[in-house]
Amino acid sequence: MSTVFIPPALRRLTGGAERVVVSGATVGDLLDAVDRLHPGVRDALVRDDELAPHVAVSVDDVVAPAGLAEEVTESSEVHFVPPLGGG
């Protein structure tokens, strides 16, 4: 099963959980599985069935150019990276 790491700003939706372990073939499948367990996570990261413009995703420490369509393995680690503030 893949591990999805939850950004700190969204942990209120997961009861404080930093990671959720779920199954799926793509990042989108994993996100759907997380959202079934913790409603609202998907809405915070996705717009019009694509990652929100301000969100990036990495799979196994590599930025995933295919976004939600990026394939994962059973041992993948997925991180959603929110924007960094500052200037």
PDB file of N, CA and C in Angstrom:
ATOM      1  N   MET A   1       0.837  -1.173   0.000  1.00  0.00           N
ATOM      2  CA  MET A   1       0.000   0.000   0.000  1.00  0.00           C
ATOM      3  C   MET A   1       0.883   1.237   0.000  1.00  0.00           C
ATOM      4  N   SER A   2       0.462   2.276  -0.671  1.00  0.00           N
ATOM      5  CA  SER A   2       1.229   3.514  -0.779  1.00  0.00           C
ATOM      6  C   SER A   2       0.967   4.414   0.425  1.00  0.00           C
ATOM      7  N   THR A   3       1.940   5.245   0.720  1.00  0.00           N
ATOM      8  CA  THR A   3       1.815   6.198   1.815  1.00  0.00           C
ATOM      9  C   THR A   3       1.644   7.597   1.244  1.00  0.00           C
ATOM     10  N   VAL A   4       0.564   8.254   1.648  1.00  0.00           N
ATOM     11  CA  VAL A   4       0.302   9.624   1.232  1.00  0.00           C
ATOM     12  C   VAL A   4       0.576  10.525   2.442  1.00  0.00           C
ATOM     13  N   PHE A   5       1.499  11.454   2.281  1.00  0.00           N
ATOM     14  CA  PHE A   5       1.833  12.391   3.340  1.00  0.00           C
ATOM     15  C   PHE A   5       0.917  13.600   3.227  1.00  0.00           C
ATOM     16  N   ILE A   6       0.323  13.986   4.336  1.00  0.00           N
ATOM     17  CA  ILE A   6      -0.653  15.059   4.368  1.00  0.00           C
ATOM     18  C   ILE A   6       0.039  16.364   4.753  1.00  0.00           C
ATOM     19  N   PRO A   7      -0.128  17.429   3.941  1.00  0.00           N
ATOM     20  CA  PRO A   7       0.476  18.712   4.307  1.00  0.00           C
ATOM     21  C   PRO A   7      -0.076  19.215   5.648  1.00  0.00           C
ATOM     22  N   PRO A   8       0.746  19.899   6.430  1.00  0.00           N
ATOM     23  CA  PRO A   8       0.302  20.375   7.744  1.00  0.00           C
ATOM     24  C   PRO A   8      -1.017  21.143   7.715  1.00  0.00           C
ATOM     25  N   ALA A   9      -1.231  21.961   6.717  1.00  0.00           N
ATOM     26  CA  ALA A   9      -2.455  22.771   6.655  1.00  0.00           C
ATOM     27  C   ALA A   9      -3.713  21.926   6.488  1.00  0.00           C
ATOM     28  N   LEU A  10      -3.568  20.673   6.046  1.00  0.00           N
ATOM     29  CA  LEU A  10      -4.741  19.817   5.815  1.00  0.00           C
ATOM     30  C   LEU A  10      -4.929  18.765   6.901  1.00  0.00           C
ATOM     31  N   ARG A  11      -4.051  18.718   7.852  1.00  0.00           N
ATOM     32  CA  ARG A  11      -4.136  17.671   8.879  1.00  0.00           C
ATOM     33  C   ARG A  11      -5.362  17.813   9.773  1.00  0.00           C
ATOM     34  N   ARG A  12      -5.984  18.975   9.775  1.00  0.00           N
ATOM     35  CA  ARG A  12      -7.238  19.132  10.509  1.00  0.00           C
ATOM     36  C   ARG A  12      -8.314  18.232   9.914  1.00  0.00           C
ATOM     37  N   LEU A  13      -8.189  17.921   8.615  1.00  0.00           N
ATOM     38  CA  LEU A  13      -9.152  17.058   7.929  1.00  0.00           C
ATOM     39  C   LEU A  13      -8.895  15.575   8.205  1.00  0.00           C
ATOM     40  N   THR A  14      -7.699  15.252   8.665  1.00  0.00           N
ATOM     41  CA  THR A  14      -7.334  13.853   8.910  1.00  0.00           C
ATOM     42  C   THR A  14      -7.227  13.538  10.395  1.00  0.00           C
ATOM     43  N   GLY A  15      -7.771  14.405  11.214  1.00  0.00           N
ATOM     44  CA  GLY A  15      -7.672  14.194  12.650  1.00  0.00           C
ATOM     45  C   GLY A  15      -6.249  14.302  13.158  1.00  0.00           C
ATOM     46  N   GLY A  16      -5.424  15.031  12.429  1.00  0.00           N
ATOM     47  CA  GLY A  16      -4.036  15.220  12.818  1.00  0.00           C
ATOM     48  C   GLY A  16      -3.063  14.238  12.201  1.00  0.00           C
ATOM     49  N   ALA A  17      -3.571  13.258  11.453  1.00  0.00           N
ATOM     50  CA  ALA A  17      -2.683  12.259  10.850  1.00  0.00           C
ATOM     51  C   ALA A  17      -1.735  12.910   9.843  1.00  0.00           C
ATOM     52  N   GLU A  18      -0.457  12.589   9.951  1.00  0.00           N
ATOM     53  CA  GLU A  18       0.558  13.112   9.042  1.00  0.00           C
ATOM     54  C   GLU A  18       0.647  12.307   7.750  1.00  0.00           C
ATOM     55  N   ARG A  19       0.185  11.064   7.806  1.00  0.00           N
ATOM     56  CA  ARG A  19       0.233  10.198   6.619  1.00  0.00           C
ATOM     57  C   ARG A  19      -0.943   9.240   6.657  1.00  0.00           C
ATOM     58  N   VAL A  20      -1.343   8.824   5.464  1.00  0.00           N
ATOM     59  CA  VAL A  20      -2.440   7.873   5.312  1.00  0.00           C
ATOM     60  C   VAL A  20      -1.964   6.799   4.340  1.00  0.00           C
ATOM     61  N   VAL A  21      -2.177   5.557   4.677  1.00  0.00           N
ATOM     62  CA  VAL A  21      -1.755   4.435   3.833  1.00  0.00           C
ATOM     63  C   VAL A  21      -2.978   3.903   3.093  1.00  0.00           C
ATOM     64  N   VAL A  22      -2.911   3.924   1.747  1.00  0.00           N
ATOM     65  CA  VAL A  22      -4.036   3.520   0.900  1.00  0.00           C
ATOM     66  C   VAL A  22      -3.513   2.806  -0.343  1.00  0.00           C
ATOM     67  N   SER A  23      -4.432   2.196  -1.083  1.00  0.00           N
ATOM     68  CA  SER A  23      -4.080   1.517  -2.334  1.00  0.00           C
ATOM     69  C   SER A  23      -4.614   2.284  -3.534  1.00  0.00           C
ATOM     70  N   GLY A  24      -3.905   2.148  -4.653  1.00  0.00           N
ATOM     71  CA  GLY A  24      -4.340   2.740  -5.903  1.00  0.00           C
ATOM     72  C   GLY A  24      -3.252   2.614  -6.940  1.00  0.00           C
ATOM     73  N   ALA A  25      -3.626   2.833  -8.199  1.00  0.00           N
ATOM     74  CA  ALA A  25      -2.680   2.712  -9.297  1.00  0.00           C
ATOM     75  C   ALA A  25      -2.092   4.052  -9.723  1.00  0.00           C
ATOM     76  N   THR A  26      -2.776   5.154  -9.375  1.00  0.00           N
ATOM     77  CA  THR A  26      -2.318   6.491  -9.745  1.00  0.00           C
ATOM     78  C   THR A  26      -2.434   7.421  -8.540  1.00  0.00           C
ATOM     79  N   VAL A  27      -1.826   8.577  -8.654  1.00  0.00           N
ATOM     80  CA  VAL A  27      -1.951   9.581  -7.599  1.00  0.00           C
ATOM     81  C   VAL A  27      -3.418   9.914  -7.379  1.00  0.00           C
ATOM     82  N   GLY A  28      -4.187  10.037  -8.464  1.00  0.00           N
ATOM     83  CA  GLY A  28      -5.610  10.333  -8.342  1.00  0.00           C
ATOM     84  C   GLY A  28      -6.365   9.259  -7.583  1.00  0.00           C
ATOM     85  N   ASP A  29      -6.029   7.997  -7.843  1.00  0.00           N
ATOM     86  CA  ASP A  29      -6.666   6.892  -7.113  1.00  0.00           C
ATOM     87  C   ASP A  29      -6.352   6.986  -5.621  1.00  0.00           C
ATOM     88  N   LEU A  30      -5.093   7.288  -5.299  1.00  0.00           N
ATOM     89  CA  LEU A  30      -4.706   7.402  -3.904  1.00  0.00           C
ATOM     90  C   LEU A  30      -5.443   8.555  -3.232  1.00  0.00           C
ATOM     91  N   LEU A  31      -5.533   9.672  -3.940  1.00  0.00           N
ATOM     92  CA  LEU A  31      -6.219  10.828  -3.371  1.00  0.00           C
ATOM     93  C   LEU A  31      -7.699  10.536  -3.143  1.00  0.00           C
ATOM     94  N   ASP A  32      -8.316   9.819  -4.076  1.00  0.00           N
ATOM     95  CA  ASP A  32      -9.722   9.419  -3.895  1.00  0.00           C
ATOM     96  C   ASP A  32      -9.874   8.531  -2.664  1.00  0.00           C
ATOM     97  N   ALA A  33      -8.932   7.611  -2.470  1.00  0.00           N
ATOM     98  CA  ALA A  33      -8.984   6.713  -1.314  1.00  0.00           C
ATOM     99  C   ALA A  33      -8.805   7.491  -0.011  1.00  0.00           C
ATOM    100  N   VAL A  34      -7.887   8.449  -0.008  1.00  0.00           N
ATOM    101  CA  VAL A  34      -7.698   9.285   1.183  1.00  0.00           C
ATOM    102  C   VAL A  34      -8.982  10.066   1.464  1.00  0.00           C
ATOM    103  N   ASP A  35      -9.590  10.591   0.416  1.00  0.00           N
ATOM    104  CA  ASP A  35     -10.797  11.400   0.585  1.00  0.00           C
ATOM    105  C   ASP A  35     -11.982  10.576   1.101  1.00  0.00           C
ATOM    106  N   ARG A  36     -12.025   9.303   0.757  1.00  0.00           N
ATOM    107  CA  ARG A  36     -13.087   8.452   1.309  1.00  0.00           C
ATOM    108  C   ARG A  36     -12.924   8.292   2.814  1.00  0.00           C
ATOM    109  N   LEU A  37     -11.686   8.252   3.270  1.00  0.00           N
ATOM    110  CA  LEU A  37     -11.409   8.134   4.700  1.00  0.00           C
ATOM    111  C   LEU A  37     -11.515   9.485   5.418  1.00  0.00           C
ATOM    112  N   HIS A  38     -11.120  10.540   4.706  1.00  0.00           N
ATOM    113  CA  HIS A  38     -11.054  11.881   5.292  1.00  0.00           C
ATOM    114  C   HIS A  38     -11.640  12.887   4.295  1.00  0.00           C
ATOM    115  N   PRO A  39     -12.955  13.002   4.264  1.00  0.00           N
ATOM    116  CA  PRO A  39     -13.598  13.904   3.297  1.00  0.00           C
ATOM    117  C   PRO A  39     -13.067  15.343   3.400  1.00  0.00           C
ATOM    118  N   GLY A  40     -12.896  15.923   2.226  1.00  0.00           N
ATOM    119  CA  GLY A  40     -12.427  17.298   2.140  1.00  0.00           C
ATOM    120  C   GLY A  40     -11.000  17.436   1.673  1.00  0.00           C
ATOM    121  N   VAL A  41     -10.215  16.374   1.796  1.00  0.00           N
ATOM    122  CA  VAL A  41      -8.814  16.445   1.384  1.00  0.00           C
ATOM    123  C   VAL A  41      -8.725  16.681  -0.126  1.00  0.00           C
ATOM    124  N   ARG A  42      -9.483  15.942  -0.893  1.00  0.00           N
ATOM    125  CA  ARG A  42      -9.446  16.087  -2.354  1.00  0.00           C
ATOM    126  C   ARG A  42      -9.837  17.502  -2.775  1.00  0.00           C
ATOM    127  N   ASP A  43     -10.907  18.030  -2.189  1.00  0.00           N
ATOM    128  CA  ASP A  43     -11.368  19.372  -2.540  1.00  0.00           C
ATOM    129  C   ASP A  43     -10.311  20.434  -2.260  1.00  0.00           C
ATOM    130  N   ALA A  44      -9.473  20.195  -1.272  1.00  0.00           N
ATOM    131  CA  ALA A  44      -8.426  21.154  -0.929  1.00  0.00           C
ATOM    132  C   ALA A  44      -7.263  21.133  -1.918  1.00  0.00           C
ATOM    133  N   LEU A  45      -7.123  20.056  -2.668  1.00  0.00           N
ATOM    134  CA  LEU A  45      -5.958  19.891  -3.553  1.00  0.00           C
ATOM    135  C   LEU A  45      -6.286  19.880  -5.038  1.00  0.00           C
ATOM    136  N   VAL A  46      -7.557  19.718  -5.385  1.00  0.00           N
ATOM    137  CA  VAL A  46      -7.939  19.511  -6.789  1.00  0.00           C
ATOM    138  C   VAL A  46      -8.936  20.576  -7.242  1.00  0.00           C
ATOM    139  N   ARG A  47      -8.777  21.041  -8.486  1.00  0.00           N
ATOM    140  CA  ARG A  47      -9.717  21.940  -9.137  1.00  0.00           C
ATOM    141  C   ARG A  47      -9.996  21.392 -10.531  1.00  0.00           C
ATOM    142  N   ASP A  48     -11.258  21.236 -10.853  1.00  0.00           N
ATOM    143  CA  ASP A  48     -11.646  20.763 -12.193  1.00  0.00           C
ATOM    144  C   ASP A  48     -10.910  19.485 -12.591  1.00  0.00           C
ATOM    145  N   ASP A  49     -10.836  18.533 -11.672  1.00  0.00           N
ATOM    146  CA  ASP A  49     -10.216  17.224 -11.903  1.00  0.00           C
ATOM    147  C   ASP A  49      -8.735  17.274 -12.224  1.00  0.00           C
ATOM    148  N   GLU A  50      -8.062  18.356 -11.824  1.00  0.00           N
ATOM    149  CA  GLU A  50      -6.605  18.452 -11.938  1.00  0.00           C
ATOM    150  C   GLU A  50      -6.077  19.042 -10.643  1.00  0.00           C
ATOM    151  N   LEU A  51      -4.813  18.805 -10.366  1.00  0.00           N
ATOM    152  CA  LEU A  51      -4.227  19.429  -9.182  1.00  0.00           C
ATOM    153  C   LEU A  51      -4.424  20.936  -9.267  1.00  0.00           C
ATOM    154  N   ALA A  52      -4.763  21.535  -8.146  1.00  0.00           N
ATOM    155  CA  ALA A  52      -4.906  22.984  -8.100  1.00  0.00           C
ATOM    156  C   ALA A  52      -3.597  23.629  -8.551  1.00  0.00           C
ATOM    157  N   PRO A  53      -3.673  24.801  -9.168  1.00  0.00           N
ATOM    158  CA  PRO A  53      -2.459  25.437  -9.706  1.00  0.00           C
ATOM    159  C   PRO A  53      -1.365  25.655  -8.670  1.00  0.00           C
ATOM    160  N   HIS A  54      -1.723  25.796  -7.431  1.00  0.00           N
ATOM    161  CA  HIS A  54      -0.737  26.084  -6.396  1.00  0.00           C
ATOM    162  C   HIS A  54      -0.172  24.830  -5.732  1.00  0.00           C
ATOM    163  N   VAL A  55      -0.536  23.656  -6.229  1.00  0.00           N
ATOM    164  CA  VAL A  55      -0.122  22.396  -5.589  1.00  0.00           C
ATOM    165  C   VAL A  55       0.740  21.581  -6.554  1.00  0.00           C
ATOM    166  N   ALA A  56       1.834  21.040  -6.035  1.00  0.00           N
ATOM    167  CA  ALA A  56       2.655  20.088  -6.786  1.00  0.00           C
ATOM    168  C   ALA A  56       2.602  18.758  -6.047  1.00  0.00           C
ATOM    169  N   VAL A  57       2.927  17.690  -6.753  1.00  0.00           N
ATOM    170  CA  VAL A  57       2.953  16.378  -6.119  1.00  0.00           C
ATOM    171  C   VAL A  57       4.258  15.691  -6.490  1.00  0.00           C
ATOM    172  N   SER A  58       4.823  14.987  -5.509  1.00  0.00           N
ATOM    173  CA  SER A  58       6.002  14.184  -5.804  1.00  0.00           C
ATOM    174  C   SER A  58       5.702  12.736  -5.443  1.00  0.00           C
ATOM    175  N   VAL A  59       6.266  11.847  -6.250  1.00  0.00           N
ATOM    176  CA  VAL A  59       6.139  10.412  -6.023  1.00  0.00           C
ATOM    177  C   VAL A  59       7.548   9.868  -5.873  1.00  0.00           C
ATOM    178  N   ASP A  60       7.817   9.288  -4.735  1.00  0.00           N
ATOM    179  CA  ASP A  60       9.141   8.737  -4.447  1.00  0.00           C
ATOM    180  C   ASP A  60      10.246   9.764  -4.675  1.00  0.00           C
ATOM    181  N   ASP A  61      10.012  10.974  -4.156  1.00  0.00           N
ATOM    182  CA  ASP A  61      10.971  12.080  -4.174  1.00  0.00           C
ATOM    183  C   ASP A  61      11.238  12.668  -5.554  1.00  0.00           C
ATOM    184  N   VAL A  62      10.355  12.417  -6.520  1.00  0.00           N
ATOM    185  CA  VAL A  62      10.482  12.998  -7.849  1.00  0.00           C
ATOM    186  C   VAL A  62       9.189  13.732  -8.171  1.00  0.00           C
ATOM    187  N   VAL A  63       9.310  15.002  -8.618  1.00  0.00           N
ATOM    188  CA  VAL A  63       8.116  15.748  -8.990  1.00  0.00           C
ATOM    189  C   VAL A  63       7.397  14.990 -10.092  1.00  0.00           C
ATOM    190  N   ALA A  64       6.084  14.830  -9.912  1.00  0.00           N
ATOM    191  CA  ALA A  64       5.272  14.022 -10.827  1.00  0.00           C
ATOM    192  C   ALA A  64       4.639  14.913 -11.890  1.00  0.00           C
ATOM    193  N   PRO A  65       5.214  14.929 -13.104  1.00  0.00           N
ATOM    194  CA  PRO A  65       4.685  15.812 -14.145  1.00  0.00           C
ATOM    195  C   PRO A  65       3.272  15.458 -14.600  1.00  0.00           C
ATOM    196  N   ALA A  66       2.859  14.213 -14.433  1.00  0.00           N
ATOM    197  CA  ALA A  66       1.522  13.802 -14.880  1.00  0.00           C
ATOM    198  C   ALA A  66       0.444  14.114 -13.840  1.00  0.00           C
ATOM    199  N   GLY A  67       0.847  14.672 -12.708  1.00  0.00           N
ATOM    200  CA  GLY A  67      -0.129  15.056 -11.692  1.00  0.00           C
ATOM    201  C   GLY A  67      -0.952  13.885 -11.196  1.00  0.00           C
ATOM    202  N   LEU A  68      -2.264  14.006 -11.256  1.00  0.00           N
ATOM    203  CA  LEU A  68      -3.158  12.963 -10.767  1.00  0.00           C
ATOM    204  C   LEU A  68      -3.041  11.668 -11.554  1.00  0.00           C
ATOM    205  N   ALA A  69      -2.585  11.752 -12.795  1.00  0.00           N
ATOM    206  CA  ALA A  69      -2.462  10.560 -13.646  1.00  0.00           C
ATOM    207  C   ALA A  69      -1.147   9.811 -13.430  1.00  0.00           C
ATOM    208  N   GLU A  70      -0.264  10.371 -12.619  1.00  0.00           N
ATOM    209  CA  GLU A  70       1.032   9.727 -12.374  1.00  0.00           C
ATOM    210  C   GLU A  70       0.826   8.346 -11.747  1.00  0.00           C
ATOM    211  N   GLU A  71       1.486   7.348 -12.304  1.00  0.00           N
ATOM    212  CA  GLU A  71       1.366   5.992 -11.771  1.00  0.00           C
ATOM    213  C   GLU A  71       2.183   5.840 -10.499  1.00  0.00           C
ATOM    214  N   VAL A  72       1.696   4.999  -9.608  1.00  0.00           N
ATOM    215  CA  VAL A  72       2.382   4.708  -8.354  1.00  0.00           C
ATOM    216  C   VAL A  72       2.517   3.205  -8.197  1.00  0.00           C
ATOM    217  N   THR A  73       3.398   2.800  -7.288  1.00  0.00           N
ATOM    218  CA  THR A  73       3.543   1.386  -6.961  1.00  0.00           C
ATOM    219  C   THR A  73       2.985   1.160  -5.559  1.00  0.00           C
ATOM    220  N   GLU A  74       2.934  -0.076  -5.165  1.00  0.00           N
ATOM    221  CA  GLU A  74       2.416  -0.397  -3.835  1.00  0.00           C
ATOM    222  C   GLU A  74       3.291   0.169  -2.718  1.00  0.00           C
ATOM    223  N   SER A  75       4.540   0.502  -3.016  1.00  0.00           N
ATOM    224  CA  SER A  75       5.432   1.025  -1.982  1.00  0.00           C
ATOM    225  C   SER A  75       5.733   2.517  -2.158  1.00  0.00           C
ATOM    226  N   SER A  76       4.985   3.189  -3.027  1.00  0.00           N
ATOM    227  CA  SER A  76       5.260   4.606  -3.287  1.00  0.00           C
ATOM    228  C   SER A  76       4.978   5.484  -2.077  1.00  0.00           C
ATOM    229  N   GLU A  77       5.741   6.576  -2.012  1.00  0.00           N
ATOM    230  CA  GLU A  77       5.502   7.633  -1.047  1.00  0.00           C
ATOM    231  C   GLU A  77       5.114   8.874  -1.835  1.00  0.00           C
ATOM    232  N   VAL A  78       3.959   9.438  -1.495  1.00  0.00           N
ATOM    233  CA  VAL A  78       3.410  10.570  -2.239  1.00  0.00           C
ATOM    234  C   VAL A  78       3.313  11.775  -1.311  1.00  0.00           C
ATOM    235  N   HIS A  79       3.863  12.893  -1.792  1.00  0.00           N
ATOM    236  CA  HIS A  79       3.828  14.143  -1.030  1.00  0.00           C
ATOM    237  C   HIS A  79       3.134  15.207  -1.879  1.00  0.00           C
ATOM    238  N   PHE A  80       2.166  15.895  -1.278  1.00  0.00           N
ATOM    239  CA  PHE A  80       1.559  17.059  -1.921  1.00  0.00           C
ATOM    240  C   PHE A  80       2.261  18.273  -1.349  1.00  0.00           C
ATOM    241  N   VAL A  81       2.766  19.126  -2.261  1.00  0.00           N
ATOM    242  CA  VAL A  81       3.581  20.256  -1.856  1.00  0.00           C
ATOM    243  C   VAL A  81       2.791  21.542  -2.100  1.00  0.00           C
ATOM    244  N   PRO A  82       2.341  22.190  -1.013  1.00  0.00           N
ATOM    245  CA  PRO A  82       1.642  23.458  -1.161  1.00  0.00           C
ATOM    246  C   PRO A  82       2.623  24.567  -1.488  1.00  0.00           C
ATOM    247  N   PRO A  83       2.121  25.728  -1.886  1.00  0.00           N
ATOM    248  CA  PRO A  83       3.026  26.831  -2.226  1.00  0.00           C
ATOM    249  C   PRO A  83       3.762  27.346  -0.995  1.00  0.00           C
ATOM    250  N   LEU A  84       4.939  27.900  -1.238  1.00  0.00           N
ATOM    251  CA  LEU A  84       5.703  28.512  -0.158  1.00  0.00           C
ATOM    252  C   LEU A  84       5.434  30.010  -0.184  1.00  0.00           C
ATOM    253  N   GLY A  85       5.203  30.584   0.948  1.00  0.00           N
ATOM    254  CA  GLY A  85       4.979  32.020   1.026  1.00  0.00           C
ATOM    255  C   GLY A  85       6.294  32.759   1.156  1.00  0.00           C
ATOM    256  N   GLY A  86       6.219  34.062   1.085  1.00  0.00           N
ATOM    257  CA  GLY A  86       7.414  34.876   1.253  1.00  0.00           C
ATOM    258  C   GLY A  86       7.735  35.639  -0.002  1.00  0.00           C
ATOM    259  N   GLY A  87       8.857  36.228  -0.006  1.00  0.00           N
ATOM    260  CA  GLY A  87       9.199  36.991  -1.185  1.00  0.00           C
ATOM    261  C   GLY A  87      10.523  37.659  -1.067  1.00  0.00           C
TER     262      GLY A  87
END
